[in-house]
Amino acid sequence: MTNLPSISRRSLLAVGALAAPAFSAFAQAPRVLRIGNQKGVLSFLKARGTLEKRLAPLGVSVTWTEFNAGPVQLEALNVGAIDFGDVGEAPPIFAQAAGAPLVYAAATVPRPSSEAVIVPKGSAIQKVSDLKGKKVAYNKGSNVQFFLAKLLEKNGLAYSDVQSVFLPPADARAAFAQGAVDAWVIWDPFLASAQKTLDARVLADATGVVNNRGYYFTSRSYADKNADILRIAVEEVGAIEKWAGSQRAEAATEYATVLGLDRAVVEVSVNRTAYGTVPITKAILAEQQVIADTFWELKLLPRKISILEAAQAGLA
């Protein structure tokens, strides 16, 4: 048997004394919540600083990074650059299909009146069935593509019955204004802007067709280790949503400043938006599953996914 060198009790104590500060520093390492936000509700939260105040007693700091679209936010989540953010229905589905460690943290209440199919004021298109054979512009892979598919289905048309013209909002607006497309499927505040400045007419909004929720997301590793931080973040988001719903005039003024848009445009959007934050449930994730399945059928996803795999642990 090999004889191991003996270590005195004094030596062990000395080693422990040296290790203790390092271990203590590791155990007390400050925590951080890195938020990636688009211009909107989270912008209000950032301006108020209430989240920072609530998290300070826990030794948690908050950082903010602004993004111009949901997919870019989720790319940042995928590479570990942010921990929390806000997004629409479609981007998290594509992110999950691409392997992002996404977890749904909270949802907004349904907002069906905040997206619609619009046509020029003098258009001969009077009902959804009149869209057959027409050129319809919209952003590919977005929530409005799902809305259009379900709206056509509800009105006896196939998705292939319209000529899809895939354009991002700015290009779609230009095509709509120039008469290059017959209809445009779009969301607020672009929708409100088209109504106010292009005299567009709403053919049909999403009421009775799809829910059009917003979502707050995090990563699997962050959710597993920081449930207390996420709970407070969602509570603070909920407080901002409640304020916006009860103080719409003030919210419109603040939102117009955030977006850099005319207040009259933003007021239209704010006045028809349903505000509120709700916990994620299996029923809400089932709504997302329908969207994911629709995108799979439209050959937009690289693989079929189960939305429940992006649920928080212990989901009711």
Protein backbone atom coordinates (compact mmCIF):
# COMPACT_ATOMS: atom_id res chain seq x y z
CA MET A 1 0.00 0.00 0.00
CA THR A 2 1.29 3.46 -0.85
CA ASN A 3 1.96 5.62 2.17
CA LEU A 4 0.25 8.99 1.84
CA PRO A 5 1.92 12.00 3.40
CA SER A 6 0.30 13.05 6.65
CA ILE A 7 -1.37 16.47 6.88
CA SER A 8 -1.46 18.16 10.24
CA ARG A 9 -4.62 19.62 11.72
CA ARG A 10 -2.91 23.03 11.67
CA SER A 11 -2.28 22.66 7.91
CA LEU A 12 -5.90 21.79 7.28
CA LEU A 13 -7.04 24.82 9.22
CA ALA A 14 -4.66 27.01 7.25
CA VAL A 15 -5.99 25.67 3.93
CA GLY A 16 -9.54 26.24 5.12
CA ALA A 17 -8.76 29.78 6.14
CA LEU A 18 -7.38 30.52 2.70
CA ALA A 19 -10.34 28.93 0.92
CA ALA A 20 -13.01 30.57 3.04
CA PRO A 21 -12.82 34.06 1.50
CA ALA A 22 -12.95 32.66 -2.02
CA PHE A 23 -15.92 30.45 -1.16
CA SER A 24 -17.65 33.33 0.60
CA ALA A 25 -17.14 35.59 -2.40
CA PHE A 26 -18.54 32.92 -4.70
CA ALA A 27 -21.56 32.31 -2.46
CA GLN A 28 -22.30 36.03 -2.27
CA ALA A 29 -21.70 36.81 -5.94
CA PRO A 30 -24.16 39.54 -6.96
CA ARG A 31 -27.05 38.49 -9.16
CA VAL A 32 -28.24 40.36 -12.21
CA LEU A 33 -31.37 40.49 -14.38
CA ARG A 34 -30.45 41.38 -17.96
CA ILE A 35 -33.57 42.62 -19.75
CA GLY A 36 -33.91 42.82 -23.52
CA ASN A 37 -36.86 45.00 -24.43
CA GLN A 38 -38.69 46.43 -27.40
CA LYS A 39 -40.27 49.88 -27.24
CA GLY A 40 -43.41 49.45 -25.17
CA VAL A 41 -44.47 48.37 -21.71
CA LEU A 42 -40.94 47.44 -20.63
CA SER A 43 -39.79 50.92 -21.70
CA PHE A 44 -42.24 52.35 -19.14
CA LEU A 45 -40.88 49.98 -16.49
CA LYS A 46 -37.31 51.02 -17.25
CA ALA A 47 -38.18 54.73 -17.01
CA ARG A 48 -39.80 54.33 -13.59
CA GLY A 49 -37.01 52.33 -11.96
CA THR A 50 -39.45 50.46 -9.74
CA LEU A 51 -38.03 47.06 -10.66
CA GLU A 52 -34.54 48.13 -9.60
CA LYS A 53 -35.90 49.35 -6.26
CA ARG A 54 -37.67 46.06 -5.54
CA LEU A 55 -34.69 43.94 -6.49
CA ALA A 56 -32.07 46.00 -4.64
CA PRO A 57 -32.73 44.38 -1.22
CA LEU A 58 -31.99 41.00 -2.84
CA GLY A 59 -28.66 42.28 -4.12
CA VAL A 60 -29.88 42.06 -7.72
CA SER A 61 -28.89 44.63 -10.34
CA VAL A 62 -30.76 45.23 -13.60
CA THR A 63 -29.37 45.98 -17.07
CA TRP A 64 -31.35 46.97 -20.16
CA THR A 65 -30.75 46.44 -23.87
CA GLU A 66 -33.25 47.67 -26.47
CA PHE A 67 -34.03 45.59 -29.56
CA ASN A 68 -36.09 46.46 -32.64
CA ALA A 69 -37.75 43.05 -33.04
CA GLY A 70 -38.61 39.86 -31.18
CA PRO A 71 -36.43 37.46 -33.21
CA VAL A 72 -33.31 39.49 -32.40
CA GLN A 73 -34.22 39.45 -28.70
CA LEU A 74 -34.52 35.69 -28.78
CA GLU A 75 -31.21 35.31 -30.58
CA ALA A 76 -29.69 37.25 -27.67
CA LEU A 77 -31.39 34.86 -25.24
CA ASN A 78 -30.04 31.88 -27.18
CA VAL A 79 -26.44 33.07 -26.85
CA GLY A 80 -26.86 33.91 -23.17
CA ALA A 81 -26.81 37.70 -23.53
CA ILE A 82 -30.18 38.45 -21.85
CA ASP A 83 -32.39 36.80 -19.24
CA PHE A 84 -35.85 38.33 -19.76
CA GLY A 85 -37.81 40.09 -22.48
CA ASP A 86 -41.12 40.72 -24.23
CA VAL A 87 -42.24 39.30 -27.55
CA GLY A 88 -45.26 38.44 -29.70
CA GLU A 89 -46.70 35.01 -30.41
CA ALA A 90 -44.60 33.89 -33.37
CA PRO A 91 -40.93 34.59 -32.51
CA PRO A 92 -40.75 32.24 -29.50
CA ILE A 93 -42.12 29.41 -31.63
CA PHE A 94 -39.37 29.83 -34.20
CA ALA A 95 -36.78 30.23 -31.44
CA GLN A 96 -37.87 26.99 -29.78
CA ALA A 97 -37.78 25.18 -33.12
CA ALA A 98 -34.20 26.42 -33.53
CA GLY A 99 -33.21 25.01 -30.15
CA ALA A 100 -33.23 28.13 -27.98
CA PRO A 101 -33.53 27.40 -24.21
CA LEU A 102 -36.76 29.41 -24.06
CA VAL A 103 -39.19 29.40 -21.14
CA TYR A 104 -42.50 31.31 -21.09
CA ALA A 105 -42.59 33.51 -17.97
CA ALA A 106 -45.95 35.31 -18.36
CA ALA A 107 -48.52 36.34 -20.96
CA THR A 108 -50.65 39.35 -21.70
CA VAL A 109 -54.41 39.15 -21.90
CA PRO A 110 -55.76 38.62 -25.45
CA ARG A 111 -55.51 41.64 -27.77
CA PRO A 112 -57.48 40.66 -30.88
CA SER A 113 -58.42 44.20 -31.87
CA SER A 114 -54.75 45.17 -32.15
CA GLU A 115 -54.22 43.35 -35.46
CA ALA A 116 -56.33 43.45 -38.60
CA VAL A 117 -56.64 43.09 -42.34
CA ILE A 118 -56.93 46.53 -43.89
CA VAL A 119 -57.83 47.68 -47.40
CA PRO A 120 -57.84 51.11 -49.08
CA LYS A 121 -60.91 53.18 -48.21
CA GLY A 122 -62.33 52.96 -51.74
CA SER A 123 -61.55 49.27 -52.24
CA ALA A 124 -64.22 47.01 -53.74
CA ILE A 125 -63.26 44.38 -51.14
CA GLN A 126 -66.12 44.42 -48.65
CA LYS A 127 -65.86 41.02 -46.95
CA VAL A 128 -63.14 38.48 -46.24
CA SER A 129 -64.27 36.14 -49.00
CA ASP A 130 -63.55 38.97 -51.48
CA LEU A 131 -59.84 38.44 -50.78
CA LYS A 132 -59.81 35.37 -53.02
CA GLY A 133 -57.17 35.83 -55.70
CA LYS A 134 -56.05 39.18 -54.24
CA LYS A 135 -52.55 40.29 -53.28
CA VAL A 136 -52.23 40.38 -49.50
CA ALA A 137 -49.11 41.79 -47.84
CA TYR A 138 -47.83 40.72 -44.43
CA ASN A 139 -44.69 39.83 -42.52
CA LYS A 140 -43.75 36.19 -43.11
CA GLY A 141 -43.52 34.04 -39.99
CA SER A 142 -45.27 36.59 -37.78
CA ASN A 143 -48.41 36.37 -35.69
CA VAL A 144 -50.42 38.02 -38.49
CA GLN A 145 -49.60 35.15 -40.83
CA PHE A 146 -51.30 32.81 -38.37
CA PHE A 147 -54.20 35.27 -38.04
CA LEU A 148 -54.63 35.40 -41.83
CA ALA A 149 -54.59 31.61 -42.15
CA LYS A 150 -57.30 31.24 -39.50
CA LEU A 151 -59.36 34.17 -40.83
CA LEU A 152 -59.43 32.68 -44.33
CA GLU A 153 -60.33 29.27 -42.91
CA LYS A 154 -63.19 30.77 -40.91
CA ASN A 155 -64.55 32.42 -44.05
CA GLY A 156 -64.42 29.34 -46.27
CA LEU A 157 -61.14 30.10 -48.05
CA ALA A 158 -57.90 28.17 -48.18
CA TYR A 159 -54.63 29.86 -47.29
CA SER A 160 -53.57 29.35 -50.90
CA ASP A 161 -56.62 31.26 -52.17
CA VAL A 162 -54.81 34.58 -51.71
CA GLN A 163 -51.58 35.79 -53.27
CA SER A 164 -49.22 36.23 -50.32
CA VAL A 165 -46.76 39.10 -50.63
CA PHE A 166 -44.14 38.80 -47.91
CA LEU A 167 -43.02 42.25 -46.77
CA PRO A 168 -41.85 43.76 -43.45
CA PRO A 169 -44.08 46.55 -42.09
CA ALA A 170 -42.25 49.52 -43.64
CA ASP A 171 -42.16 47.97 -47.11
CA ALA A 172 -45.72 46.70 -46.81
CA ARG A 173 -46.92 50.18 -45.90
CA ALA A 174 -45.27 51.60 -49.02
CA ALA A 175 -46.78 48.88 -51.22
CA PHE A 176 -50.21 49.47 -49.67
CA ALA A 177 -49.98 53.24 -50.14
CA GLN A 178 -48.96 52.82 -53.79
CA GLY A 179 -51.74 50.32 -54.54
CA ALA A 180 -49.26 47.53 -55.29
CA VAL A 181 -51.19 45.17 -52.97
CA ASP A 182 -54.91 44.80 -52.36
CA ALA A 183 -54.79 44.29 -48.60
CA TRP A 184 -52.35 44.40 -45.71
CA VAL A 185 -52.40 42.32 -42.51
CA ILE A 186 -50.74 44.33 -39.77
CA TRP A 187 -50.62 45.09 -36.04
CA ASP A 188 -50.53 48.22 -33.90
CA PRO A 189 -49.14 50.83 -33.95
CA PHE A 190 -48.62 50.33 -37.71
CA LEU A 191 -52.31 49.53 -37.98
CA ALA A 192 -53.34 52.75 -36.25
CA SER A 193 -50.90 54.75 -38.36
CA ALA A 194 -52.37 53.34 -41.59
CA GLN A 195 -55.87 54.21 -40.42
CA LYS A 196 -54.95 57.77 -39.45
CA THR A 197 -52.53 58.69 -42.23
CA LEU A 198 -53.51 56.45 -45.17
CA ASP A 199 -57.26 56.44 -44.51
CA ALA A 200 -57.18 52.62 -44.48
CA ARG A 201 -60.36 50.69 -43.74
CA VAL A 202 -60.43 47.69 -41.41
CA LEU A 203 -61.84 44.68 -43.24
CA ALA A 204 -61.59 42.38 -40.23
CA ASP A 205 -59.66 42.36 -36.99
CA ALA A 206 -58.76 39.23 -35.02
CA THR A 207 -61.79 39.31 -32.72
CA GLY A 208 -63.35 35.86 -32.66
CA VAL A 209 -60.51 34.44 -34.75
CA VAL A 210 -57.30 34.42 -32.70
CA ASN A 211 -56.28 35.85 -29.32
CA ASN A 212 -53.11 37.76 -30.25
CA ARG A 213 -51.28 37.68 -26.92
CA GLY A 214 -47.90 39.07 -26.01
CA TYR A 215 -45.41 37.02 -23.98
CA TYR A 216 -42.64 37.57 -21.47
CA PHE A 217 -39.83 35.03 -21.69
CA THR A 218 -36.72 33.83 -19.92
CA SER A 219 -34.22 30.99 -20.29
CA ARG A 220 -34.39 27.55 -18.72
CA SER A 221 -31.25 28.04 -16.63
CA TYR A 222 -32.36 31.45 -15.39
CA ALA A 223 -35.85 30.22 -14.49
CA ASP A 224 -34.43 27.28 -12.55
CA LYS A 225 -32.07 29.44 -10.48
CA ASN A 226 -33.90 32.76 -10.12
CA ALA A 227 -37.59 32.12 -9.55
CA ASP A 228 -37.73 34.92 -6.96
CA ILE A 229 -36.35 37.50 -9.39
CA LEU A 230 -38.72 36.46 -12.17
CA ARG A 231 -41.72 36.61 -9.83
CA ILE A 232 -40.91 40.22 -8.95
CA ALA A 233 -40.23 41.14 -12.59
CA VAL A 234 -43.60 39.76 -13.68
CA GLU A 235 -45.35 41.57 -10.81
CA GLU A 236 -43.78 44.86 -11.85
CA VAL A 237 -44.73 44.31 -15.50
CA GLY A 238 -48.27 43.59 -14.35
CA ALA A 239 -48.36 46.85 -12.41
CA ILE A 240 -47.32 48.80 -15.53
CA GLU A 241 -49.96 47.01 -17.63
CA LYS A 242 -52.59 47.86 -15.00
CA TRP A 243 -51.53 51.51 -15.04
CA ALA A 244 -51.69 51.70 -18.84
CA GLY A 245 -55.18 50.22 -18.83
CA SER A 246 -56.48 52.66 -16.23
CA GLN A 247 -54.61 55.80 -17.40
CA ARG A 248 -54.92 55.55 -21.17
CA ALA A 249 -54.52 59.24 -21.94
CA GLU A 250 -51.30 59.43 -19.96
CA ALA A 251 -50.14 56.14 -21.44
CA ALA A 252 -50.77 57.41 -24.98
CA THR A 253 -48.69 60.51 -24.31
CA GLU A 254 -45.81 58.51 -22.84
CA TYR A 255 -46.01 55.82 -25.51
CA ALA A 256 -45.95 58.44 -28.29
CA THR A 257 -42.70 59.77 -26.86
CA VAL A 258 -41.20 56.29 -26.61
CA LEU A 259 -42.17 55.39 -30.19
CA GLY A 260 -41.52 58.81 -31.71
CA LEU A 261 -45.00 58.79 -33.26
CA ASP A 262 -47.79 61.34 -33.40
CA ARG A 263 -49.93 61.11 -30.27
CA ALA A 264 -53.14 60.94 -32.31
CA VAL A 265 -51.89 57.71 -33.92
CA VAL A 266 -50.77 56.18 -30.64
CA GLU A 267 -54.06 57.13 -28.97
CA VAL A 268 -55.98 54.95 -31.44
CA SER A 269 -53.73 52.01 -30.63
CA VAL A 270 -53.76 52.49 -26.85
CA ASN A 271 -57.52 52.95 -26.65
CA ARG A 272 -58.27 49.57 -28.23
CA THR A 273 -55.50 47.60 -26.51
CA ALA A 274 -56.46 45.26 -23.70
CA TYR A 275 -53.91 45.59 -20.90
CA GLY A 276 -53.10 42.97 -18.29
CA THR A 277 -50.59 40.27 -17.43
CA VAL A 278 -51.55 36.70 -16.57
CA PRO A 279 -49.61 33.61 -15.46
CA ILE A 280 -48.69 30.97 -18.00
CA THR A 281 -51.08 28.01 -17.97
CA LYS A 282 -51.35 24.84 -20.01
CA ALA A 283 -54.40 26.36 -21.71
CA ILE A 284 -52.37 29.39 -22.83
CA LEU A 285 -49.55 27.19 -24.08
CA ALA A 286 -52.15 25.15 -25.96
CA GLU A 287 -52.93 28.36 -27.90
CA GLN A 288 -49.27 28.58 -28.82
CA GLN A 289 -49.29 24.94 -29.85
CA VAL A 290 -52.05 25.65 -32.39
CA ILE A 291 -49.91 28.42 -33.87
CA ALA A 292 -46.85 26.15 -33.96
CA ASP A 293 -48.83 23.38 -35.65
CA THR A 294 -50.16 25.85 -38.22
CA PHE A 295 -46.65 27.08 -39.00
CA TRP A 296 -45.52 23.46 -39.34
CA GLU A 297 -48.33 22.78 -41.80
CA LEU A 298 -47.33 25.91 -43.75
CA LYS A 299 -43.77 24.50 -43.87
CA LEU A 300 -42.37 27.46 -41.95
CA LEU A 301 -40.76 25.43 -39.16
CA PRO A 302 -37.75 23.12 -39.54
CA ARG A 303 -39.34 20.59 -37.17
CA LYS A 304 -42.54 19.94 -35.26
CA ILE A 305 -42.31 21.14 -31.68
CA SER A 306 -44.09 20.67 -28.36
CA ILE A 307 -44.70 24.04 -26.69
CA LEU A 308 -44.94 22.35 -23.27
CA GLU A 309 -41.20 21.78 -23.44
CA ALA A 310 -40.88 25.55 -22.96
CA ALA A 311 -43.03 25.58 -19.81
CA GLN A 312 -41.71 26.47 -16.37
CA ALA A 313 -41.24 23.62 -13.92
CA GLY A 314 -44.39 22.77 -11.99
CA LEU A 315 -46.79 24.39 -14.48
CA ALA A 316 -50.39 23.91 -13.42
